[in-house]
Amino acid sequence: MIGVAGQSVPQMATVKAYPLPGAGQTSFYVVTDAGVLSATAPTRRIEGDRSHPLRALYAAGQDVITQYRRSQQGPS
Protein backbone atom coordinates (compact mmCIF):
# COMPACT_ATOMS: atom_id res chain seq x y z
CA MET A 1 0.00 0.00 0.00
CA ILE A 2 2.87 2.35 0.76
CA GLY A 3 4.36 1.78 -2.68
CA VAL A 4 1.06 2.55 -4.38
CA ALA A 5 0.42 5.68 -2.29
CA GLY A 6 2.99 7.66 -4.25
CA GLN A 7 0.87 7.28 -7.39
CA SER A 8 -2.06 8.95 -5.62
CA VAL A 9 -0.18 11.94 -4.22
CA PRO A 10 -0.98 14.22 -7.20
CA GLN A 11 -4.69 13.80 -6.39
CA MET A 12 -4.22 14.80 -2.75
CA ALA A 13 -4.18 18.05 -0.83
CA THR A 14 -2.22 19.01 2.29
CA VAL A 15 -4.33 18.78 5.45
CA LYS A 16 -3.93 19.67 9.12
CA ALA A 17 -7.09 17.89 10.38
CA TYR A 18 -7.97 14.23 10.02
CA PRO A 19 -11.73 13.75 10.19
CA LEU A 20 -13.35 10.38 9.63
CA PRO A 21 -15.05 9.99 6.25
CA GLY A 22 -18.79 10.40 5.98
CA ALA A 23 -21.13 7.54 5.16
CA GLY A 24 -20.34 6.08 1.75
CA GLN A 25 -17.00 7.89 1.56
CA THR A 26 -13.42 6.62 1.65
CA SER A 27 -10.59 8.83 2.88
CA PHE A 28 -6.87 8.34 2.58
CA TYR A 29 -4.15 10.09 4.56
CA VAL A 30 -0.55 9.87 3.36
CA VAL A 31 2.28 11.07 5.58
CA THR A 32 5.14 12.63 3.59
CA ASP A 33 8.20 14.71 4.38
CA ALA A 34 6.20 17.72 3.18
CA GLY A 35 3.25 17.03 5.50
CA VAL A 36 0.07 14.98 5.55
CA LEU A 37 -1.85 14.70 2.29
CA SER A 38 -5.45 13.54 1.94
CA ALA A 39 -8.11 12.68 -0.59
CA THR A 40 -11.73 11.60 -0.10
CA ALA A 41 -14.13 10.18 -2.66
CA PRO A 42 -17.38 8.23 -2.73
CA THR A 43 -16.57 4.56 -2.17
CA ARG A 44 -18.91 3.39 -4.94
CA ARG A 45 -17.20 5.68 -7.41
CA ILE A 46 -13.76 4.31 -6.52
CA GLU A 47 -15.00 0.72 -6.71
CA GLY A 48 -16.94 1.21 -9.94
CA ASP A 49 -14.47 3.21 -11.99
CA ARG A 50 -11.32 1.27 -12.87
CA SER A 51 -9.66 4.51 -14.00
CA HIS A 52 -10.44 6.42 -10.77
CA PRO A 53 -7.21 8.06 -9.53
CA LEU A 54 -7.62 6.48 -6.07
CA ARG A 55 -8.54 2.99 -7.34
CA ALA A 56 -5.05 1.46 -6.99
CA LEU A 57 -4.65 2.81 -3.45
CA TYR A 58 -8.12 1.55 -2.51
CA ALA A 59 -7.34 -1.92 -3.93
CA ALA A 60 -4.04 -2.02 -2.04
CA GLY A 61 -5.88 -1.11 1.17
CA GLN A 62 -8.39 -3.90 0.57
CA ASP A 63 -5.47 -6.31 0.16
CA VAL A 64 -4.05 -5.19 3.52
CA ILE A 65 -7.43 -5.76 5.18
CA THR A 66 -7.73 -9.21 3.59
CA GLN A 67 -4.28 -10.23 4.82
CA TYR A 68 -5.07 -8.97 8.32
CA ARG A 69 -8.31 -11.00 8.42
CA ARG A 70 -6.47 -14.11 7.23
CA SER A 71 -3.86 -13.67 9.95
CA GLN A 72 -6.62 -13.51 12.57
CA GLN A 73 -8.24 -16.76 11.38
CA GLY A 74 -5.23 -18.88 12.24
CA PRO A 75 -3.87 -21.80 10.26
CA SER A 76 -6.20 -23.52 7.82
PDB file of N, CA and C in Angstrom:
ATOM      1  N   MET A   1       0.833  -1.187   0.000  1.00  0.00           N
ATOM      2  CA  MET A   1       0.000   0.000   0.000  1.00  0.00           C
ATOM      3  C   MET A   1       0.878   1.252   0.000  1.00  0.00           C
ATOM      4  N   ILE A   2       1.961   1.198   0.716  1.00  0.00           N
ATOM      5  CA  ILE A   2       2.866   2.351   0.762  1.00  0.00           C
ATOM      6  C   ILE A   2       3.432   2.638  -0.625  1.00  0.00           C
ATOM      7  N   GLY A   3       3.819   1.596  -1.337  1.00  0.00           N
ATOM      8  CA  GLY A   3       4.363   1.778  -2.679  1.00  0.00           C
ATOM      9  C   GLY A   3       3.368   2.396  -3.639  1.00  0.00           C
ATOM     10  N   VAL A   4       2.107   2.039  -3.495  1.00  0.00           N
ATOM     11  CA  VAL A   4       1.058   2.550  -4.382  1.00  0.00           C
ATOM     12  C   VAL A   4       0.660   3.982  -4.000  1.00  0.00           C
ATOM     13  N   ALA A   5       0.837   4.346  -2.753  1.00  0.00           N
ATOM     14  CA  ALA A   5       0.415   5.677  -2.286  1.00  0.00           C
ATOM     15  C   ALA A   5       1.055   6.799  -3.081  1.00  0.00           C
ATOM     16  N   GLY A   6       2.292   6.619  -3.486  1.00  0.00           N
ATOM     17  CA  GLY A   6       2.989   7.657  -4.251  1.00  0.00           C
ATOM     18  C   GLY A   6       2.293   8.004  -5.553  1.00  0.00           C
ATOM     19  N   GLN A   7       1.609   7.030  -6.150  1.00  0.00           N
ATOM     20  CA  GLN A   7       0.875   7.278  -7.391  1.00  0.00           C
ATOM     21  C   GLN A   7      -0.336   8.185  -7.166  1.00  0.00           C
ATOM     22  N   SER A   8      -0.854   8.179  -5.939  1.00  0.00           N
ATOM     23  CA  SER A   8      -2.061   8.949  -5.625  1.00  0.00           C
ATOM     24  C   SER A   8      -1.776  10.353  -5.129  1.00  0.00           C
ATOM     25  N   VAL A   9      -0.541  10.638  -4.783  1.00  0.00           N
ATOM     26  CA  VAL A   9      -0.177  11.937  -4.218  1.00  0.00           C
ATOM     27  C   VAL A   9      -0.633  13.118  -5.083  1.00  0.00           C
ATOM     28  N   PRO A  10      -0.530  13.067  -6.411  1.00  0.00           N
ATOM     29  CA  PRO A  10      -0.977  14.221  -7.197  1.00  0.00           C
ATOM     30  C   PRO A  10      -2.474  14.545  -7.023  1.00  0.00           C
ATOM     31  N   GLN A  11      -3.257  13.592  -6.577  1.00  0.00           N
ATOM     32  CA  GLN A  11      -4.691  13.802  -6.387  1.00  0.00           C
ATOM     33  C   GLN A  11      -5.015  14.326  -4.986  1.00  0.00           C
ATOM     34  N   MET A  12      -4.009  14.475  -4.160  1.00  0.00           N
ATOM     35  CA  MET A  12      -4.225  14.803  -2.751  1.00  0.00           C
ATOM     36  C   MET A  12      -3.864  16.249  -2.427  1.00  0.00           C
ATOM     37  N   ALA A  13      -4.441  16.698  -1.325  1.00  0.00           N
ATOM     38  CA  ALA A  13      -4.183  18.053  -0.826  1.00  0.00           C
ATOM     39  C   ALA A  13      -3.601  17.967   0.584  1.00  0.00           C
ATOM     40  N   THR A  14      -2.780  18.941   0.942  1.00  0.00           N
ATOM     41  CA  THR A  14      -2.224  19.014   2.289  1.00  0.00           C
ATOM     42  C   THR A  14      -3.334  19.311   3.283  1.00  0.00           C
ATOM     43  N   VAL A  15      -3.318  18.591   4.413  1.00  0.00           N
ATOM     44  CA  VAL A  15      -4.331  18.785   5.451  1.00  0.00           C
ATOM     45  C   VAL A  15      -3.671  18.914   6.815  1.00  0.00           C
ATOM     46  N   LYS A  16      -4.397  19.534   7.732  1.00  0.00           N
ATOM     47  CA  LYS A  16      -3.934  19.667   9.116  1.00  0.00           C
ATOM     48  C   LYS A  16      -4.923  19.027  10.084  1.00  0.00           C
ATOM     49  N   ALA A  17      -6.078  18.583   9.577  1.00  0.00           N
ATOM     50  CA  ALA A  17      -7.088  17.890  10.384  1.00  0.00           C
ATOM     51  C   ALA A  17      -7.363  16.546   9.719  1.00  0.00           C
ATOM     52  N   TYR A  18      -7.823  15.596  10.513  1.00  0.00           N
ATOM     53  CA  TYR A  18      -7.970  14.229  10.018  1.00  0.00           C
ATOM     54  C   TYR A  18      -9.337  13.650  10.375  1.00  0.00           C
ATOM     55  N   PRO A  19     -10.387  14.239   9.848  1.00  0.00           N
ATOM     56  CA  PRO A  19     -11.732  13.751  10.190  1.00  0.00           C
ATOM     57  C   PRO A  19     -12.006  12.379   9.569  1.00  0.00           C
ATOM     58  N   LEU A  20     -12.903  11.643  10.198  1.00  0.00           N
ATOM     59  CA  LEU A  20     -13.350  10.380   9.626  1.00  0.00           C
ATOM     60  C   LEU A  20     -14.200  10.672   8.394  1.00  0.00           C
ATOM     61  N   PRO A  21     -14.218   9.764   7.440  1.00  0.00           N
ATOM     62  CA  PRO A  21     -15.051   9.995   6.251  1.00  0.00           C
ATOM     63  C   PRO A  21     -16.532   9.864   6.594  1.00  0.00           C
ATOM     64  N   GLY A  22     -17.353  10.523   5.810  1.00  0.00           N
ATOM     65  CA  GLY A  22     -18.789  10.405   5.977  1.00  0.00           C
ATOM     66  C   GLY A  22     -19.275   9.064   5.451  1.00  0.00           C
ATOM     67  N   ALA A  23     -20.540   8.783   5.649  1.00  0.00           N
ATOM     68  CA  ALA A  23     -21.127   7.537   5.163  1.00  0.00           C
ATOM     69  C   ALA A  23     -20.960   7.440   3.651  1.00  0.00           C
ATOM     70  N   GLY A  24     -20.513   6.288   3.185  1.00  0.00           N
ATOM     71  CA  GLY A  24     -20.342   6.081   1.753  1.00  0.00           C
ATOM     72  C   GLY A  24     -19.102   6.721   1.165  1.00  0.00           C
ATOM     73  N   GLN A  25     -18.220   7.227   2.006  1.00  0.00           N
ATOM     74  CA  GLN A  25     -16.996   7.891   1.558  1.00  0.00           C
ATOM     75  C   GLN A  25     -15.784   7.081   2.005  1.00  0.00           C
ATOM     76  N   THR A  26     -14.700   7.209   1.267  1.00  0.00           N
ATOM     77  CA  THR A  26     -13.417   6.616   1.648  1.00  0.00           C
ATOM     78  C   THR A  26     -12.386   7.732   1.655  1.00  0.00           C
ATOM     79  N   SER A  27     -11.648   7.818   2.757  1.00  0.00           N
ATOM     80  CA  SER A  27     -10.594   8.832   2.883  1.00  0.00           C
ATOM     81  C   SER A  27      -9.240   8.155   3.019  1.00  0.00           C
ATOM     82  N   PHE A  28      -8.243   8.800   2.454  1.00  0.00           N
ATOM     83  CA  PHE A  28      -6.867   8.343   2.579  1.00  0.00           C
ATOM     84  C   PHE A  28      -6.043   9.483   3.146  1.00  0.00           C
ATOM     85  N   TYR A  29      -5.113   9.134   4.024  1.00  0.00           N
ATOM     86  CA  TYR A  29      -4.154  10.090   4.564  1.00  0.00           C
ATOM     87  C   TYR A  29      -2.764   9.517   4.304  1.00  0.00           C
ATOM     88  N   VAL A  30      -1.897  10.302   3.687  1.00  0.00           N
ATOM     89  CA  VAL A  30      -0.549   9.872   3.361  1.00  0.00           C
ATOM     90  C   VAL A  30       0.424  10.828   4.043  1.00  0.00           C
ATOM     91  N   VAL A  31       1.288  10.271   4.868  1.00  0.00           N
ATOM     92  CA  VAL A  31       2.284  11.075   5.580  1.00  0.00           C
ATOM     93  C   VAL A  31       3.537  11.158   4.712  1.00  0.00           C
ATOM     94  N   THR A  32       3.952  12.389   4.408  1.00  0.00           N
ATOM     95  CA  THR A  32       5.144  12.625   3.589  1.00  0.00           C
ATOM     96  C   THR A  32       6.087  13.567   4.328  1.00  0.00           C
ATOM     97  N   ASP A  33       7.266  13.751   3.797  1.00  0.00           N
ATOM     98  CA  ASP A  33       8.201  14.712   4.385  1.00  0.00           C
ATOM     99  C   ASP A  33       7.644  16.129   4.324  1.00  0.00           C
ATOM    100  N   ALA A  34       6.773  16.386   3.359  1.00  0.00           N
ATOM    101  CA  ALA A  34       6.198  17.718   3.181  1.00  0.00           C
ATOM    102  C   ALA A  34       4.942  17.941   4.022  1.00  0.00           C
ATOM    103  N   GLY A  35       4.452  16.911   4.696  1.00  0.00           N
ATOM    104  CA  GLY A  35       3.250  17.026   5.503  1.00  0.00           C
ATOM    105  C   GLY A  35       2.292  15.893   5.198  1.00  0.00           C
ATOM    106  N   VAL A  36       1.087  16.006   5.752  1.00  0.00           N
ATOM    107  CA  VAL A  36       0.072  14.980   5.545  1.00  0.00           C
ATOM    108  C   VAL A  36      -0.817  15.396   4.381  1.00  0.00           C
ATOM    109  N   LEU A  37      -1.004  14.473   3.456  1.00  0.00           N
ATOM    110  CA  LEU A  37      -1.847  14.704   2.295  1.00  0.00           C
ATOM    111  C   LEU A  37      -3.095  13.838   2.417  1.00  0.00           C
ATOM    112  N   SER A  38      -4.200  14.296   1.827  1.00  0.00           N
ATOM    113  CA  SER A  38      -5.446  13.542   1.940  1.00  0.00           C
ATOM    114  C   SER A  38      -6.281  13.675   0.676  1.00  0.00           C
ATOM    115  N   ALA A  39      -7.105  12.658   0.477  1.00  0.00           N
ATOM    116  CA  ALA A  39      -8.113  12.685  -0.586  1.00  0.00           C
ATOM    117  C   ALA A  39      -9.297  11.858  -0.101  1.00  0.00           C
ATOM    118  N   THR A  40     -10.490  12.300  -0.447  1.00  0.00           N
ATOM    119  CA  THR A  40     -11.726  11.600  -0.100  1.00  0.00           C
ATOM    120  C   THR A  40     -12.594  11.523  -1.340  1.00  0.00           C
ATOM    121  N   ALA A  41     -13.241  10.374  -1.516  1.00  0.00           N
ATOM    122  CA  ALA A  41     -14.130  10.184  -2.659  1.00  0.00           C
ATOM    123  C   ALA A  41     -15.230   9.200  -2.268  1.00  0.00           C
ATOM    124  N   PRO A  42     -16.334   9.223  -2.990  1.00  0.00           N
ATOM    125  CA  PRO A  42     -17.384   8.230  -2.731  1.00  0.00           C
ATOM    126  C   PRO A  42     -16.840   6.816  -2.990  1.00  0.00           C
ATOM    127  N   THR A  43     -17.067   5.924  -2.051  1.00  0.00           N
ATOM    128  CA  THR A  43     -16.567   4.557  -2.171  1.00  0.00           C
ATOM    129  C   THR A  43     -17.088   3.882  -3.436  1.00  0.00           C
ATOM    130  N   ARG A  44     -18.349   4.030  -3.740  1.00  0.00           N
ATOM    131  CA  ARG A  44     -18.910   3.393  -4.938  1.00  0.00           C
ATOM    132  C   ARG A  44     -18.233   3.877  -6.217  1.00  0.00           C
ATOM    133  N   ARG A  45     -17.873   5.132  -6.227  1.00  0.00           N
ATOM    134  CA  ARG A  45     -17.200   5.684  -7.414  1.00  0.00           C
ATOM    135  C   ARG A  45     -15.817   5.063  -7.577  1.00  0.00           C
ATOM    136  N   ILE A  46     -15.097   4.926  -6.466  1.00  0.00           N
ATOM    137  CA  ILE A  46     -13.765   4.313  -6.517  1.00  0.00           C
ATOM    138  C   ILE A  46     -13.878   2.855  -6.956  1.00  0.00           C
ATOM    139  N   GLU A  47     -14.834   2.143  -6.382  1.00  0.00           N
ATOM    140  CA  GLU A  47     -15.000   0.724  -6.705  1.00  0.00           C
ATOM    141  C   GLU A  47     -15.479   0.513  -8.144  1.00  0.00           C
ATOM    142  N   GLY A  48     -16.319   1.406  -8.636  1.00  0.00           N
ATOM    143  CA  GLY A  48     -16.937   1.211  -9.936  1.00  0.00           C
ATOM    144  C   GLY A  48     -16.174   1.738 -11.127  1.00  0.00           C
ATOM    145  N   ASP A  49     -15.194   2.575 -10.890  1.00  0.00           N
ATOM    146  CA  ASP A  49     -14.465   3.214 -11.990  1.00  0.00           C
ATOM    147  C   ASP A  49     -13.013   2.742 -11.974  1.00  0.00           C
ATOM    148  N   ARG A  50     -12.676   1.833 -12.851  1.00  0.00           N
ATOM    149  CA  ARG A  50     -11.323   1.274 -12.873  1.00  0.00           C
ATOM    150  C   ARG A  50     -10.256   2.329 -13.158  1.00  0.00           C
ATOM    151  N   SER A  51     -10.641   3.458 -13.711  1.00  0.00           N
ATOM    152  CA  SER A  51      -9.661   4.509 -13.995  1.00  0.00           C
ATOM    153  C   SER A  51      -9.650   5.606 -12.924  1.00  0.00           C
ATOM    154  N   HIS A  52     -10.412   5.408 -11.839  1.00  0.00           N
ATOM    155  CA  HIS A  52     -10.435   6.418 -10.767  1.00  0.00           C
ATOM    156  C   HIS A  52      -9.023   6.586 -10.213  1.00  0.00           C
ATOM    157  N   PRO A  53      -8.586   7.826  -9.980  1.00  0.00           N
ATOM    158  CA  PRO A  53      -7.208   8.064  -9.526  1.00  0.00           C
ATOM    159  C   PRO A  53      -6.869   7.428  -8.177  1.00  0.00           C
ATOM    160  N   LEU A  54      -7.878   7.097  -7.373  1.00  0.00           N
ATOM    161  CA  LEU A  54      -7.617   6.477  -6.073  1.00  0.00           C
ATOM    162  C   LEU A  54      -7.838   4.967  -6.092  1.00  0.00           C
ATOM    163  N   ARG A  55      -8.186   4.419  -7.242  1.00  0.00           N
ATOM    164  CA  ARG A  55      -8.539   2.994  -7.344  1.00  0.00           C
ATOM    165  C   ARG A  55      -7.394   2.077  -6.901  1.00  0.00           C
ATOM    166  N   ALA A  56      -6.174   2.321  -7.345  1.00  0.00           N
ATOM    167  CA  ALA A  56      -5.045   1.458  -6.987  1.00  0.00           C
ATOM    168  C   ALA A  56      -4.773   1.501  -5.483  1.00  0.00           C
ATOM    169  N   LEU A  57      -4.874   2.673  -4.889  1.00  0.00           N
ATOM    170  CA  LEU A  57      -4.652   2.806  -3.453  1.00  0.00           C
ATOM    171  C   LEU A  57      -5.753   2.092  -2.684  1.00  0.00           C
ATOM    172  N   TYR A  58      -6.987   2.227  -3.140  1.00  0.00           N
ATOM    173  CA  TYR A  58      -8.122   1.547  -2.514  1.00  0.00           C
ATOM    174  C   TYR A  58      -7.923   0.031  -2.583  1.00  0.00           C
ATOM    175  N   ALA A  59      -7.554  -0.479  -3.749  1.00  0.00           N
ATOM    176  CA  ALA A  59      -7.342  -1.917  -3.926  1.00  0.00           C
ATOM    177  C   ALA A  59      -6.215  -2.416  -3.022  1.00  0.00           C
ATOM    178  N   ALA A  60      -5.152  -1.639  -2.916  1.00  0.00           N
ATOM    179  CA  ALA A  60      -4.044  -2.022  -2.037  1.00  0.00           C
ATOM    180  C   ALA A  60      -4.505  -2.061  -0.586  1.00  0.00           C
ATOM    181  N   GLY A  61      -5.333  -1.119  -0.192  1.00  0.00           N
ATOM    182  CA  GLY A  61      -5.883  -1.114   1.166  1.00  0.00           C
ATOM    183  C   GLY A  61      -6.755  -2.327   1.425  1.00  0.00           C
ATOM    184  N   GLN A  62      -7.562  -2.710   0.425  1.00  0.00           N
ATOM    185  CA  GLN A  62      -8.389  -3.903   0.565  1.00  0.00           C
ATOM    186  C   GLN A  62      -7.520  -5.147   0.719  1.00  0.00           C
ATOM    187  N   ASP A  63      -6.402  -5.184   0.012  1.00  0.00           N
ATOM    188  CA  ASP A  63      -5.473  -6.311   0.155  1.00  0.00           C
ATOM    189  C   ASP A  63      -4.900  -6.377   1.569  1.00  0.00           C
ATOM    190  N   VAL A  64      -4.563  -5.236   2.145  1.00  0.00           N
ATOM    191  CA  VAL A  64      -4.048  -5.194   3.519  1.00  0.00           C
ATOM    192  C   VAL A  64      -5.107  -5.728   4.477  1.00  0.00           C
ATOM    193  N   ILE A  65      -6.347  -5.295   4.317  1.00  0.00           N
ATOM    194  CA  ILE A  65      -7.429  -5.762   5.184  1.00  0.00           C
ATOM    195  C   ILE A  65      -7.620  -7.272   5.050  1.00  0.00           C
ATOM    196  N   THR A  66      -7.576  -7.777   3.826  1.00  0.00           N
ATOM    197  CA  THR A  66      -7.729  -9.215   3.595  1.00  0.00           C
ATOM    198  C   THR A  66      -6.629  -9.999   4.297  1.00  0.00           C
ATOM    199  N   GLN A  67      -5.392  -9.545   4.168  1.00  0.00           N
ATOM    200  CA  GLN A  67      -4.277 -10.232   4.822  1.00  0.00           C
ATOM    201  C   GLN A  67      -4.406 -10.188   6.341  1.00  0.00           C
ATOM    202  N   TYR A  68      -4.870  -9.078   6.868  1.00  0.00           N
ATOM    203  CA  TYR A  68      -5.074  -8.971   8.319  1.00  0.00           C
ATOM    204  C   TYR A  68      -6.138  -9.975   8.768  1.00  0.00           C
ATOM    205  N   ARG A  69      -7.242 -10.047   8.061  1.00  0.00           N
ATOM    206  CA  ARG A  69      -8.305 -10.996   8.425  1.00  0.00           C
ATOM    207  C   ARG A  69      -7.799 -12.429   8.364  1.00  0.00           C
ATOM    208  N   ARG A  70      -7.033 -12.758   7.339  1.00  0.00           N
ATOM    209  CA  ARG A  70      -6.470 -14.108   7.230  1.00  0.00           C
ATOM    210  C   ARG A  70      -5.565 -14.427   8.396  1.00  0.00           C
ATOM    211  N   SER A  71      -4.778 -13.436   8.830  1.00  0.00           N
ATOM    212  CA  SER A  71      -3.861 -13.669   9.947  1.00  0.00           C
ATOM    213  C   SER A  71      -4.618 -13.892  11.238  1.00  0.00           C
ATOM    214  N   GLN A  72      -5.813 -13.353  11.356  1.00  0.00           N
ATOM    215  CA  GLN A  72      -6.616 -13.507  12.572  1.00  0.00           C
ATOM    216  C   GLN A  72      -7.362 -14.839  12.605  1.00  0.00           C
ATOM    217  N   GLN A  73      -7.508 -15.491  11.454  1.00  0.00           N
ATOM    218  CA  GLN A  73      -8.236 -16.760  11.380  1.00  0.00           C
ATOM    219  C   GLN A  73      -7.386 -17.941  11.837  1.00  0.00           C
ATOM    220  N   GLY A  74      -6.104 -17.781  11.858  1.00  0.00           N
ATOM    221  CA  GLY A  74      -5.230 -18.883  12.243  1.00  0.00           C
ATOM    222  C   GLY A  74      -4.966 -19.816  11.079  1.00  0.00           C
ATOM    223  N   PRO A  75      -4.215 -20.883  11.346  1.00  0.00           N
ATOM    224  CA  PRO A  75      -3.867 -21.805  10.256  1.00  0.00           C
ATOM    225  C   PRO A  75      -5.098 -22.525   9.706  1.00  0.00           C
ATOM    226  N   SER A  76      -5.060 -22.798   8.395  1.00  0.00           N
ATOM    227  CA  SER A  76      -6.200 -23.519   7.819  1.00  0.00           C
ATOM    228  C   SER A  76      -5.860 -24.958   7.567  1.00  0.00           C
TER     229      SER A  76
END
